[in-house]
Amino acid sequence: MEEKILSNKKNGMLVLLVTAALYIAAVAGLILGIIITEKGGLPVLLIICAVWLCVGWIPWMGLKVLKPQEALVLTLFGKYVGTIKNEGFYFVNPFCTSVNPAAKTKLNQSGDVDSRRGNLTALTQDTAASSSAGTNKKVSLKIMTLNNNRQKINDCLGNPVEIGIAVMWRVVDTAKAVFNVDNYKEYLSLQCDSALRNIVRIYPYDVAPNVDTTGDGVADEGSLRGSSETVASRIRDEIQQKVTEAGLEIIEARITYLAYAPEIAAVMLQRQQASAIIDARKMIVDGAVGMVEMALERLNEHDIVTLDEERKAAMVSNLLVVLCGNHDAQPVVNSGSLY
């Protein structure tokens, strides 16, 4: 389905004024026709004015108002006529109908949410809102932000993680959006869920050894937590491949929430804490060894005291205990001889 842009002239105001003037003239003609008929004249004027008063409202059905970044997809007896995209007050064929199968669909996204519900789902049908909106079948061309619900997905190591994404998108081809898929909003939401699952399964939550996330056969350091920009870019490309036929453009995708699932969050926190403790202890030991080495070198350099190997070992042990201990050392004064 190829999009056809209609370059209709903005004659809406002219048609509205002309039709309103004809209605006023018809009312005056109806009164005049009644007077002529009562005097024995032919009721031609009366009939014409009465017919116009009955059918004169039909041209008003062809009046369409478009705001900036809105489009109207028109069909005539089931045949696609074209799309109006520029803002203005238009007059089109009164028998043309506007088509937008996603007009009643409410997504958890900017400009298209049901504010009366506290807990928004990814897809909800609000009949009350749709009835109040009337027959508004305009297709929005604005950039929209779809914020899908958080999903629980297993990463490449089998750990369940919860992740949520925000997708910025817009309609670029109204004909494809309206006619190629049943409901382009629902289609987009489902494709976002599918693409998110496909990409998250490739990456571990954190850096893991012997994991290939790029598909080149070489282990790398890619992860959901450390490579969020790369993951978001791959999610965007994956969604774009799926929704091109629906006339949609994915501008950007961003990870808005990332965490371990509650059932393993406590265990993973202990694992991270243990890793942090080990790294901290390693840094402390490296520093303590350097300080002991420096102390022995200074003692030997200035000939302050001469220690044999046994005393050096005792001194090294005492210094390491003091420097690596978790608590402050309690000094002990030795008043006796060193030997």
C-alpha atoms as a PDB file:
ATOM      1  CA  MET A   1       0.000   0.000   0.000  1.00  0.00           C
ATOM      2  CA  GLU A   2       1.508   3.299  -1.149  1.00  0.00           C
ATOM      3  CA  GLU A   3       0.657   6.547   0.579  1.00  0.00           C
ATOM      4  CA  LYS A   4      -1.011   9.216  -1.591  1.00  0.00           C
ATOM      5  CA  ILE A   5      -0.820  12.768  -0.325  1.00  0.00           C
ATOM      6  CA  LEU A   6      -3.846  14.898  -1.260  1.00  0.00           C
ATOM      7  CA  SER A   7      -3.164  18.533  -2.058  1.00  0.00           C
ATOM      8  CA  ASN A   8      -6.720  19.714  -1.507  1.00  0.00           C
ATOM      9  CA  LYS A   9      -7.304  23.450  -1.300  1.00  0.00           C
ATOM     10  CA  LYS A  10      -8.408  24.717   2.088  1.00  0.00           C
ATOM     11  CA  ASN A  11     -11.996  25.553   1.065  1.00  0.00           C
ATOM     12  CA  GLY A  12     -13.609  24.587   4.348  1.00  0.00           C
ATOM     13  CA  MET A  13     -14.442  28.112   5.467  1.00  0.00           C
ATOM     14  CA  LEU A  14     -15.835  29.029   2.042  1.00  0.00           C
ATOM     15  CA  VAL A  15     -18.100  25.977   1.932  1.00  0.00           C
ATOM     16  CA  LEU A  16     -19.246  26.607   5.493  1.00  0.00           C
ATOM     17  CA  LEU A  17     -20.203  30.230   4.765  1.00  0.00           C
ATOM     18  CA  VAL A  18     -21.882  29.401   1.453  1.00  0.00           C
ATOM     19  CA  THR A  19     -23.875  26.544   2.979  1.00  0.00           C
ATOM     20  CA  ALA A  20     -24.932  28.676   5.928  1.00  0.00           C
ATOM     21  CA  ALA A  21     -26.011  31.479   3.556  1.00  0.00           C
ATOM     22  CA  LEU A  22     -28.016  28.993   1.479  1.00  0.00           C
ATOM     23  CA  TYR A  23     -29.743  27.773   4.637  1.00  0.00           C
ATOM     24  CA  ILE A  24     -30.737  31.308   5.539  1.00  0.00           C
ATOM     25  CA  ALA A  25     -31.947  31.863   1.984  1.00  0.00           C
ATOM     26  CA  ALA A  26     -33.863  28.562   2.123  1.00  0.00           C
ATOM     27  CA  VAL A  27     -35.666  29.607   5.294  1.00  0.00           C
ATOM     28  CA  ALA A  28     -36.615  32.923   3.711  1.00  0.00           C
ATOM     29  CA  GLY A  29     -37.650  31.142   0.503  1.00  0.00           C
ATOM     30  CA  LEU A  30     -39.718  28.651   2.481  1.00  0.00           C
ATOM     31  CA  ILE A  31     -41.683  31.481   4.106  1.00  0.00           C
ATOM     32  CA  LEU A  32     -42.089  33.202   0.753  1.00  0.00           C
ATOM     33  CA  GLY A  33     -43.156  29.931  -0.892  1.00  0.00           C
ATOM     34  CA  ILE A  34     -45.838  29.382   1.735  1.00  0.00           C
ATOM     35  CA  ILE A  35     -47.224  32.872   1.062  1.00  0.00           C
ATOM     36  CA  ILE A  36     -47.192  32.306  -2.730  1.00  0.00           C
ATOM     37  CA  THR A  37     -48.866  28.914  -2.351  1.00  0.00           C
ATOM     38  CA  GLU A  38     -51.621  30.370  -0.167  1.00  0.00           C
ATOM     39  CA  LYS A  39     -52.336  32.946  -2.911  1.00  0.00           C
ATOM     40  CA  GLY A  40     -52.767  30.171  -5.461  1.00  0.00           C
ATOM     41  CA  GLY A  41     -49.285  30.142  -6.952  1.00  0.00           C
ATOM     42  CA  LEU A  42     -47.234  27.047  -7.794  1.00  0.00           C
ATOM     43  CA  PRO A  43     -45.359  25.557  -4.824  1.00  0.00           C
ATOM     44  CA  VAL A  44     -42.078  25.224  -6.768  1.00  0.00           C
ATOM     45  CA  LEU A  45     -40.111  27.550  -4.503  1.00  0.00           C
ATOM     46  CA  LEU A  46     -41.601  25.877  -1.439  1.00  0.00           C
ATOM     47  CA  ILE A  47     -40.530  22.421  -2.628  1.00  0.00           C
ATOM     48  CA  ILE A  48     -36.997  23.530  -3.541  1.00  0.00           C
ATOM     49  CA  CYS A  49     -36.421  25.228  -0.191  1.00  0.00           C
ATOM     50  CA  ALA A  50     -37.870  22.274   1.741  1.00  0.00           C
ATOM     51  CA  VAL A  51     -35.633  19.824  -0.100  1.00  0.00           C
ATOM     52  CA  TRP A  52     -32.569  21.988   0.563  1.00  0.00           C
ATOM     53  CA  LEU A  53     -33.390  22.240   4.245  1.00  0.00           C
ATOM     54  CA  CYS A  54     -33.543  18.423   4.370  1.00  0.00           C
ATOM     55  CA  VAL A  55     -30.299  17.661   2.493  1.00  0.00           C
ATOM     56  CA  GLY A  56     -28.321  20.873   2.840  1.00  0.00           C
ATOM     57  CA  TRP A  57     -26.435  19.521   5.852  1.00  0.00           C
ATOM     58  CA  ILE A  58     -24.659  16.890   3.717  1.00  0.00           C
ATOM     59  CA  PRO A  59     -21.817  19.253   2.597  1.00  0.00           C
ATOM     60  CA  TRP A  60     -21.017  19.870   6.241  1.00  0.00           C
ATOM     61  CA  MET A  61     -19.983  16.230   6.530  1.00  0.00           C
ATOM     62  CA  GLY A  62     -17.064  17.034   4.230  1.00  0.00           C
ATOM     63  CA  LEU A  63     -15.643  19.747   6.497  1.00  0.00           C
ATOM     64  CA  LYS A  64     -12.408  18.600   8.147  1.00  0.00           C
ATOM     65  CA  VAL A  65     -10.125  20.517  10.505  1.00  0.00           C
ATOM     66  CA  LEU A  66      -6.505  19.401  10.884  1.00  0.00           C
ATOM     67  CA  LYS A  67      -4.071  20.659  13.487  1.00  0.00           C
ATOM     68  CA  PRO A  68      -0.285  20.575  13.033  1.00  0.00           C
ATOM     69  CA  GLN A  69       1.224  17.078  12.987  1.00  0.00           C
ATOM     70  CA  GLU A  70      -2.095  15.396  12.228  1.00  0.00           C
ATOM     71  CA  ALA A  71      -3.211  13.396   9.200  1.00  0.00           C
ATOM     72  CA  LEU A  72      -6.514  12.159   7.834  1.00  0.00           C
ATOM     73  CA  VAL A  73      -6.701   8.899   5.865  1.00  0.00           C
ATOM     74  CA  LEU A  74      -9.741   8.989   3.559  1.00  0.00           C
ATOM     75  CA  THR A  75     -11.609   6.167   1.854  1.00  0.00           C
ATOM     76  CA  LEU A  76     -14.561   6.357  -0.553  1.00  0.00           C
ATOM     77  CA  PHE A  77     -16.852   3.323  -0.466  1.00  0.00           C
ATOM     78  CA  GLY A  78     -13.970   1.135   0.710  1.00  0.00           C
ATOM     79  CA  LYS A  79     -11.343   2.472  -1.714  1.00  0.00           C
ATOM     80  CA  TYR A  80      -8.325   4.360  -0.431  1.00  0.00           C
ATOM     81  CA  VAL A  81      -8.508   7.928  -1.755  1.00  0.00           C
ATOM     82  CA  GLY A  82      -5.507   9.581  -0.122  1.00  0.00           C
ATOM     83  CA  THR A  83      -4.131  11.282   2.962  1.00  0.00           C
ATOM     84  CA  ILE A  84      -4.331  14.919   4.043  1.00  0.00           C
ATOM     85  CA  LYS A  85      -1.357  15.972   6.160  1.00  0.00           C
ATOM     86  CA  ASN A  86      -1.126  19.769   6.232  1.00  0.00           C
ATOM     87  CA  GLU A  87      -2.992  21.694   8.899  1.00  0.00           C
ATOM     88  CA  GLY A  88      -6.032  23.747   7.898  1.00  0.00           C
ATOM     89  CA  PHE A  89      -9.786  23.778   7.317  1.00  0.00           C
ATOM     90  CA  TYR A  90     -10.599  21.448   4.415  1.00  0.00           C
ATOM     91  CA  PHE A  91     -13.626  20.453   2.389  1.00  0.00           C
ATOM     92  CA  VAL A  92     -13.548  16.902   1.007  1.00  0.00           C
ATOM     93  CA  ASN A  93     -16.085  14.623  -0.570  1.00  0.00           C
ATOM     94  CA  PRO A  94     -18.889  14.354   2.017  1.00  0.00           C
ATOM     95  CA  PHE A  95     -19.153  10.624   1.362  1.00  0.00           C
ATOM     96  CA  CYS A  96     -15.479  10.018   2.192  1.00  0.00           C
ATOM     97  CA  THR A  97     -14.854   8.392   5.555  1.00  0.00           C
ATOM     98  CA  SER A  98     -11.725   8.732   7.662  1.00  0.00           C
ATOM     99  CA  VAL A  99     -10.031   5.515   8.804  1.00  0.00           C
ATOM    100  CA  ASN A 100      -7.935   4.919  11.917  1.00  0.00           C
ATOM    101  CA  PRO A 101      -8.337   1.455  13.482  1.00  0.00           C
ATOM    102  CA  ALA A 102      -6.138   2.469  16.440  1.00  0.00           C
ATOM    103  CA  ALA A 103      -8.217   5.520  17.393  1.00  0.00           C
ATOM    104  CA  LYS A 104      -9.812   3.768  20.393  1.00  0.00           C
ATOM    105  CA  THR A 105      -6.646   2.008  21.565  1.00  0.00           C
ATOM    106  CA  LYS A 106      -5.036   3.410  24.686  1.00  0.00           C
ATOM    107  CA  LEU A 107      -1.353   2.753  25.271  1.00  0.00           C
ATOM    108  CA  ASN A 108       0.821   3.498  28.276  1.00  0.00           C
ATOM    109  CA  GLN A 109       2.511   6.342  26.422  1.00  0.00           C
ATOM    110  CA  SER A 110       2.635  10.103  26.173  1.00  0.00           C
ATOM    111  CA  GLY A 111      -0.523  11.755  24.922  1.00  0.00           C
ATOM    112  CA  ASP A 112      -2.482   8.508  24.745  1.00  0.00           C
ATOM    113  CA  VAL A 113      -3.116   7.294  28.300  1.00  0.00           C
ATOM    114  CA  ASP A 114      -6.197   6.825  30.431  1.00  0.00           C
ATOM    115  CA  SER A 115      -5.529   9.181  33.346  1.00  0.00           C
ATOM    116  CA  ARG A 116      -8.455   7.869  35.389  1.00  0.00           C
ATOM    117  CA  ARG A 117      -6.763   4.557  36.097  1.00  0.00           C
ATOM    118  CA  GLY A 118      -4.016   4.366  38.660  1.00  0.00           C
ATOM    119  CA  ASN A 119      -2.275   1.263  37.329  1.00  0.00           C
ATOM    120  CA  LEU A 120      -1.867   1.586  33.575  1.00  0.00           C
ATOM    121  CA  THR A 121      -1.436  -1.529  31.511  1.00  0.00           C
ATOM    122  CA  ALA A 122       0.427  -1.698  28.227  1.00  0.00           C
ATOM    123  CA  LEU A 123      -2.791  -2.084  26.257  1.00  0.00           C
ATOM    124  CA  THR A 124      -6.284  -1.089  27.476  1.00  0.00           C
ATOM    125  CA  GLN A 125      -9.532  -0.395  25.742  1.00  0.00           C
ATOM    126  CA  ASP A 126     -11.469   2.480  27.300  1.00  0.00           C
ATOM    127  CA  THR A 127     -14.963   2.574  25.836  1.00  0.00           C
ATOM    128  CA  ALA A 128     -16.001   5.618  27.840  1.00  0.00           C
ATOM    129  CA  ALA A 129     -13.053   7.660  26.596  1.00  0.00           C
ATOM    130  CA  SER A 130     -13.592   6.513  23.043  1.00  0.00           C
ATOM    131  CA  SER A 131     -17.269   7.474  23.128  1.00  0.00           C
ATOM    132  CA  SER A 132     -16.431  10.921  24.481  1.00  0.00           C
ATOM    133  CA  ALA A 133     -13.827  11.365  21.758  1.00  0.00           C
ATOM    134  CA  GLY A 134     -16.574  10.932  19.176  1.00  0.00           C
ATOM    135  CA  THR A 135     -15.598   9.989  15.651  1.00  0.00           C
ATOM    136  CA  ASN A 136     -12.088  11.434  15.762  1.00  0.00           C
ATOM    137  CA  LYS A 137     -10.184   9.292  13.277  1.00  0.00           C
ATOM    138  CA  LYS A 138      -7.141  11.502  12.851  1.00  0.00           C
ATOM    139  CA  VAL A 139      -3.710   9.874  12.803  1.00  0.00           C
ATOM    140  CA  SER A 140      -1.150  11.652  14.974  1.00  0.00           C
ATOM    141  CA  LEU A 141       2.217  12.298  13.320  1.00  0.00           C
ATOM    142  CA  LYS A 142       3.827  13.509  16.534  1.00  0.00           C
ATOM    143  CA  ILE A 143       6.717  11.776  18.242  1.00  0.00           C
ATOM    144  CA  MET A 144       5.203   9.499  20.877  1.00  0.00           C
ATOM    145  CA  THR A 145       6.852   7.769  23.832  1.00  0.00           C
ATOM    146  CA  LEU A 146       5.769   4.205  24.496  1.00  0.00           C
ATOM    147  CA  ASN A 147       6.611   3.039  28.007  1.00  0.00           C
ATOM    148  CA  ASN A 148       5.928  -0.683  28.069  1.00  0.00           C
ATOM    149  CA  ASN A 149       5.440  -2.516  31.340  1.00  0.00           C
ATOM    150  CA  ARG A 150       8.402  -4.143  33.025  1.00  0.00           C
ATOM    151  CA  GLN A 151       9.086  -7.671  31.878  1.00  0.00           C
ATOM    152  CA  LYS A 152      10.727 -10.567  33.656  1.00  0.00           C
ATOM    153  CA  ILE A 153      13.246 -12.142  31.257  1.00  0.00           C
ATOM    154  CA  ASN A 154      16.074 -14.644  31.746  1.00  0.00           C
ATOM    155  CA  ASP A 155      19.475 -13.335  30.673  1.00  0.00           C
ATOM    156  CA  CYS A 156      22.008 -15.485  28.837  1.00  0.00           C
ATOM    157  CA  LEU A 157      23.094 -17.100  32.132  1.00  0.00           C
ATOM    158  CA  GLY A 158      19.536 -18.001  33.079  1.00  0.00           C
ATOM    159  CA  ASN A 159      19.197 -15.359  35.789  1.00  0.00           C
ATOM    160  CA  PRO A 160      15.739 -13.710  35.837  1.00  0.00           C
ATOM    161  CA  VAL A 161      15.927  -9.937  35.469  1.00  0.00           C
ATOM    162  CA  GLU A 162      13.245  -7.270  35.326  1.00  0.00           C
ATOM    163  CA  ILE A 163      13.675  -4.712  32.570  1.00  0.00           C
ATOM    164  CA  GLY A 164      11.596  -1.880  31.143  1.00  0.00           C
ATOM    165  CA  ILE A 165      12.138   0.249  28.050  1.00  0.00           C
ATOM    166  CA  ALA A 166      10.857   3.532  26.648  1.00  0.00           C
ATOM    167  CA  VAL A 167      10.509   3.737  22.864  1.00  0.00           C
ATOM    168  CA  MET A 168      10.200   7.008  20.947  1.00  0.00           C
ATOM    169  CA  TRP A 169       8.298   6.478  17.699  1.00  0.00           C
ATOM    170  CA  ARG A 170       6.091   8.175  15.124  1.00  0.00           C
ATOM    171  CA  VAL A 171       3.982   7.374  12.066  1.00  0.00           C
ATOM    172  CA  VAL A 172       5.760   8.148   8.782  1.00  0.00           C
ATOM    173  CA  ASP A 173       3.488   6.319   6.316  1.00  0.00           C
ATOM    174  CA  THR A 174      -0.201   6.629   7.169  1.00  0.00           C
ATOM    175  CA  ALA A 175      -1.379   4.211   4.479  1.00  0.00           C
ATOM    176  CA  LYS A 176       0.837   1.390   5.755  1.00  0.00           C
ATOM    177  CA  ALA A 177      -0.054   2.141   9.367  1.00  0.00           C
ATOM    178  CA  VAL A 178      -3.785   2.011   8.698  1.00  0.00           C
ATOM    179  CA  PHE A 179      -4.055  -0.727   6.071  1.00  0.00           C
ATOM    180  CA  ASN A 180      -1.028  -3.041   6.433  1.00  0.00           C
ATOM    181  CA  VAL A 181      -1.724  -4.022  10.052  1.00  0.00           C
ATOM    182  CA  ASP A 182      -4.931  -4.413  11.997  1.00  0.00           C
ATOM    183  CA  ASN A 183      -3.943  -1.972  14.771  1.00  0.00           C
ATOM    184  CA  TYR A 184      -0.559  -0.284  14.526  1.00  0.00           C
ATOM    185  CA  LYS A 185      -0.438   0.667  18.214  1.00  0.00           C
ATOM    186  CA  GLU A 186      -1.018  -2.884  19.412  1.00  0.00           C
ATOM    187  CA  TYR A 187       1.368  -4.137  16.748  1.00  0.00           C
ATOM    188  CA  LEU A 188       4.105  -1.793  17.966  1.00  0.00           C
ATOM    189  CA  SER A 189       3.628  -2.760  21.599  1.00  0.00           C
ATOM    190  CA  LEU A 190       3.832  -6.485  20.853  1.00  0.00           C
ATOM    191  CA  GLN A 191       6.921  -6.025  18.678  1.00  0.00           C
ATOM    192  CA  CYS A 192       8.597  -4.050  21.478  1.00  0.00           C
ATOM    193  CA  ASP A 193       7.985  -6.943  23.878  1.00  0.00           C
ATOM    194  CA  SER A 194       9.314  -9.488  21.389  1.00  0.00           C
ATOM    195  CA  ALA A 195      12.425  -7.483  20.486  1.00  0.00           C
ATOM    196  CA  LEU A 196      13.204  -6.842  24.142  1.00  0.00           C
ATOM    197  CA  ARG A 197      13.110 -10.550  24.928  1.00  0.00           C
ATOM    198  CA  ASN A 198      15.266 -11.448  21.921  1.00  0.00           C
ATOM    199  CA  ILE A 199      18.012  -8.974  22.821  1.00  0.00           C
ATOM    200  CA  VAL A 200      18.050  -9.436  26.604  1.00  0.00           C
ATOM    201  CA  ARG A 201      18.569 -13.187  26.202  1.00  0.00           C
ATOM    202  CA  ILE A 202      21.889 -12.476  24.482  1.00  0.00           C
ATOM    203  CA  TYR A 203      23.448 -10.503  27.351  1.00  0.00           C
ATOM    204  CA  PRO A 204      24.263 -11.318  30.979  1.00  0.00           C
ATOM    205  CA  TYR A 205      23.126  -8.903  33.649  1.00  0.00           C
ATOM    206  CA  ASP A 206      26.719  -8.173  34.653  1.00  0.00           C
ATOM    207  CA  VAL A 207      30.069  -8.939  33.030  1.00  0.00           C
ATOM    208  CA  ALA A 208      30.589 -12.703  32.869  1.00  0.00           C
ATOM    209  CA  PRO A 209      33.549 -14.696  31.505  1.00  0.00           C
ATOM    210  CA  ASN A 210      33.340 -16.735  28.287  1.00  0.00           C
ATOM    211  CA  VAL A 211      30.179 -14.986  27.044  1.00  0.00           C
ATOM    212  CA  ASP A 212      29.878 -13.834  23.427  1.00  0.00           C
ATOM    213  CA  THR A 213      27.263 -11.086  23.042  1.00  0.00           C
ATOM    214  CA  THR A 214      28.211  -9.876  19.549  1.00  0.00           C
ATOM    215  CA  GLY A 215      28.061 -13.193  17.693  1.00  0.00           C
ATOM    216  CA  ASP A 216      31.665 -13.021  16.427  1.00  0.00           C
ATOM    217  CA  GLY A 217      32.760 -16.099  18.388  1.00  0.00           C
ATOM    218  CA  VAL A 218      34.978 -14.108  20.761  1.00  0.00           C
ATOM    219  CA  ALA A 219      34.120 -13.612  24.416  1.00  0.00           C
ATOM    220  CA  ASP A 220      33.611  -9.963  25.339  1.00  0.00           C
ATOM    221  CA  GLU A 221      32.625  -7.806  28.300  1.00  0.00           C
ATOM    222  CA  GLY A 222      29.137  -6.879  27.113  1.00  0.00           C
ATOM    223  CA  SER A 223      26.411  -6.785  29.753  1.00  0.00           C
ATOM    224  CA  LEU A 224      22.989  -5.278  30.368  1.00  0.00           C
ATOM    225  CA  ARG A 225      24.288  -3.123  33.191  1.00  0.00           C
ATOM    226  CA  GLY A 226      27.553  -2.014  31.631  1.00  0.00           C
ATOM    227  CA  SER A 227      26.568  -1.780  27.940  1.00  0.00           C
ATOM    228  CA  SER A 228      23.147  -0.162  28.208  1.00  0.00           C
ATOM    229  CA  GLU A 229      23.744   2.114  25.193  1.00  0.00           C
ATOM    230  CA  THR A 230      24.689  -0.831  22.972  1.00  0.00           C
ATOM    231  CA  VAL A 231      21.761  -2.920  24.224  1.00  0.00           C
ATOM    232  CA  ALA A 232      19.312  -0.055  23.648  1.00  0.00           C
ATOM    233  CA  SER A 233      20.659   0.472  20.122  1.00  0.00           C
ATOM    234  CA  ARG A 234      20.209  -3.215  19.270  1.00  0.00           C
ATOM    235  CA  ILE A 235      16.676  -3.159  20.707  1.00  0.00           C
ATOM    236  CA  ARG A 236      15.852  -0.136  18.537  1.00  0.00           C
ATOM    237  CA  ASP A 237      17.201  -1.818  15.385  1.00  0.00           C
ATOM    238  CA  GLU A 238      15.295  -5.009  16.180  1.00  0.00           C
ATOM    239  CA  ILE A 239      12.005  -3.140  16.616  1.00  0.00           C
ATOM    240  CA  GLN A 240      12.580  -1.053  13.477  1.00  0.00           C
ATOM    241  CA  GLN A 241      12.978  -4.178  11.343  1.00  0.00           C
ATOM    242  CA  LYS A 242       9.618  -5.444  12.554  1.00  0.00           C
ATOM    243  CA  VAL A 243       7.561  -2.245  12.224  1.00  0.00           C
ATOM    244  CA  THR A 244       8.819  -0.891   8.887  1.00  0.00           C
ATOM    245  CA  GLU A 245       5.917  -2.551   7.081  1.00  0.00           C
ATOM    246  CA  ALA A 246       3.543  -0.823   9.478  1.00  0.00           C
ATOM    247  CA  GLY A 247       4.777   2.630   8.394  1.00  0.00           C
ATOM    248  CA  LEU A 248       6.380   3.406  11.767  1.00  0.00           C
ATOM    249  CA  GLU A 249       9.773   4.906  12.560  1.00  0.00           C
ATOM    250  CA  ILE A 250      11.588   4.071  15.789  1.00  0.00           C
ATOM    251  CA  ILE A 251      13.564   7.138  16.756  1.00  0.00           C
ATOM    252  CA  GLU A 252      15.145   5.933  19.973  1.00  0.00           C
ATOM    253  CA  ALA A 253      14.933   3.219  22.604  1.00  0.00           C
ATOM    254  CA  ARG A 254      16.099   3.572  26.193  1.00  0.00           C
ATOM    255  CA  ILE A 255      16.283   1.198  29.152  1.00  0.00           C
ATOM    256  CA  THR A 256      14.263   2.778  31.960  1.00  0.00           C
ATOM    257  CA  TYR A 257      14.462   0.019  34.575  1.00  0.00           C
ATOM    258  CA  LEU A 258      16.906  -2.823  35.147  1.00  0.00           C
ATOM    259  CA  ALA A 259      17.197  -5.061  38.209  1.00  0.00           C
ATOM    260  CA  TYR A 260      17.387  -8.672  39.252  1.00  0.00           C
ATOM    261  CA  ALA A 261      14.052 -10.364  39.855  1.00  0.00           C
ATOM    262  CA  PRO A 262      12.954 -10.273  43.534  1.00  0.00           C
ATOM    263  CA  GLU A 263      13.443 -14.033  43.998  1.00  0.00           C
ATOM    264  CA  ILE A 264      17.209 -13.783  43.398  1.00  0.00           C
ATOM    265  CA  ALA A 265      17.865 -10.135  44.192  1.00  0.00           C
ATOM    266  CA  ALA A 266      19.010 -10.864  47.777  1.00  0.00           C
ATOM    267  CA  VAL A 267      21.399 -13.624  46.695  1.00  0.00           C
ATOM    268  CA  MET A 268      22.865 -11.491  43.912  1.00  0.00           C
ATOM    269  CA  LEU A 269      23.303  -8.619  46.374  1.00  0.00           C
ATOM    270  CA  GLN A 270      25.299 -10.887  48.682  1.00  0.00           C
ATOM    271  CA  ARG A 271      27.379 -11.976  45.704  1.00  0.00           C
ATOM    272  CA  GLN A 272      28.100  -8.365  44.758  1.00  0.00           C
ATOM    273  CA  GLN A 273      28.934  -7.534  48.362  1.00  0.00           C
ATOM    274  CA  ALA A 274      31.317 -10.494  48.568  1.00  0.00           C
ATOM    275  CA  SER A 275      33.010  -9.441  45.360  1.00  0.00           C
ATOM    276  CA  ALA A 276      33.372  -5.889  46.658  1.00  0.00           C
ATOM    277  CA  ILE A 277      34.818  -7.124  49.946  1.00  0.00           C
ATOM    278  CA  ILE A 278      37.346  -9.305  48.116  1.00  0.00           C
ATOM    279  CA  ASP A 279      38.413  -6.425  45.908  1.00  0.00           C
ATOM    280  CA  ALA A 280      38.752  -4.135  48.921  1.00  0.00           C
ATOM    281  CA  ARG A 281      40.789  -6.718  50.860  1.00  0.00           C
ATOM    282  CA  LYS A 282      43.076  -7.218  47.890  1.00  0.00           C
ATOM    283  CA  MET A 283      43.719  -3.477  47.705  1.00  0.00           C
ATOM    284  CA  ILE A 284      44.381  -3.310  51.461  1.00  0.00           C
ATOM    285  CA  VAL A 285      46.842  -6.223  51.347  1.00  0.00           C
ATOM    286  CA  ASP A 286      48.683  -4.738  48.363  1.00  0.00           C
ATOM    287  CA  GLY A 287      49.025  -1.438  50.214  1.00  0.00           C
ATOM    288  CA  ALA A 288      50.103  -3.109  53.453  1.00  0.00           C
ATOM    289  CA  VAL A 289      52.809  -5.146  51.716  1.00  0.00           C
ATOM    290  CA  GLY A 290      54.126  -1.990  50.086  1.00  0.00           C
ATOM    291  CA  MET A 291      54.204  -0.173  53.439  1.00  0.00           C
ATOM    292  CA  VAL A 292      56.031  -3.083  55.161  1.00  0.00           C
ATOM    293  CA  GLU A 293      58.549  -3.197  52.341  1.00  0.00           C
ATOM    294  CA  MET A 294      59.127   0.538  52.622  1.00  0.00           C
ATOM    295  CA  ALA A 295      59.549   0.277  56.421  1.00  0.00           C
ATOM    296  CA  LEU A 296      62.200  -2.439  56.151  1.00  0.00           C
ATOM    297  CA  GLU A 297      64.056  -0.518  53.462  1.00  0.00           C
ATOM    298  CA  ARG A 298      64.109   2.657  55.589  1.00  0.00           C
ATOM    299  CA  LEU A 299      65.352   0.760  58.651  1.00  0.00           C
ATOM    300  CA  ASN A 300      68.186  -0.812  56.679  1.00  0.00           C
ATOM    301  CA  GLU A 301      69.005   2.438  54.863  1.00  0.00           C
ATOM    302  CA  HIS A 302      69.493   4.495  58.050  1.00  0.00           C
ATOM    303  CA  ASP A 303      70.949   1.608  60.147  1.00  0.00           C
ATOM    304  CA  ILE A 304      68.411   2.264  62.871  1.00  0.00           C
ATOM    305  CA  VAL A 305      68.271  -1.357  63.959  1.00  0.00           C
ATOM    306  CA  THR A 306      69.670  -4.640  62.669  1.00  0.00           C
ATOM    307  CA  LEU A 307      67.179  -7.463  62.513  1.00  0.00           C
ATOM    308  CA  ASP A 308      67.762 -11.106  61.720  1.00  0.00           C
ATOM    309  CA  GLU A 309      65.376 -13.076  59.564  1.00  0.00           C
ATOM    310  CA  GLU A 310      63.309 -14.284  62.493  1.00  0.00           C
ATOM    311  CA  ARG A 311      62.791 -10.754  63.841  1.00  0.00           C
ATOM    312  CA  LYS A 312      62.019  -9.458  60.374  1.00  0.00           C
ATOM    313  CA  ALA A 313      59.338 -12.128  60.020  1.00  0.00           C
ATOM    314  CA  ALA A 314      57.849 -11.137  63.384  1.00  0.00           C
ATOM    315  CA  MET A 315      57.896  -7.467  62.434  1.00  0.00           C
ATOM    316  CA  VAL A 316      56.276  -8.167  59.079  1.00  0.00           C
ATOM    317  CA  SER A 317      53.586 -10.248  60.780  1.00  0.00           C
ATOM    318  CA  ASN A 318      52.838  -7.538  63.321  1.00  0.00           C
ATOM    319  CA  LEU A 319      52.683  -4.792  60.694  1.00  0.00           C
ATOM    320  CA  LEU A 320      50.362  -6.816  58.455  1.00  0.00           C
ATOM    321  CA  VAL A 321      48.065  -7.520  61.400  1.00  0.00           C
ATOM    322  CA  VAL A 322      47.936  -3.825  62.243  1.00  0.00           C
ATOM    323  CA  LEU A 323      47.472  -2.632  58.670  1.00  0.00           C
ATOM    324  CA  CYS A 324      45.012  -5.298  57.501  1.00  0.00           C
ATOM    325  CA  GLY A 325      42.926  -5.633  60.648  1.00  0.00           C
ATOM    326  CA  ASN A 326      39.301  -4.536  60.832  1.00  0.00           C
ATOM    327  CA  HIS A 327      39.781  -2.871  64.209  1.00  0.00           C
ATOM    328  CA  ASP A 328      42.271  -0.445  65.640  1.00  0.00           C
ATOM    329  CA  ALA A 329      45.401  -2.150  66.994  1.00  0.00           C
ATOM    330  CA  GLN A 330      46.008  -2.231  70.773  1.00  0.00           C
ATOM    331  CA  PRO A 331      49.698  -1.356  71.327  1.00  0.00           C
ATOM    332  CA  VAL A 332      51.824  -3.481  73.710  1.00  0.00           C
ATOM    333  CA  VAL A 333      54.977  -1.927  75.198  1.00  0.00           C
ATOM    334  CA  ASN A 334      57.886  -4.372  75.536  1.00  0.00           C
ATOM    335  CA  SER A 335      60.288  -3.201  78.260  1.00  0.00           C
ATOM    336  CA  GLY A 336      62.609  -6.175  77.988  1.00  0.00           C
ATOM    337  CA  SER A 337      65.435  -6.960  75.652  1.00  0.00           C
ATOM    338  CA  LEU A 338      64.837  -7.549  71.969  1.00  0.00           C
ATOM    339  CA  TYR A 339      66.803 -10.841  72.207  1.00  0.00           C
END
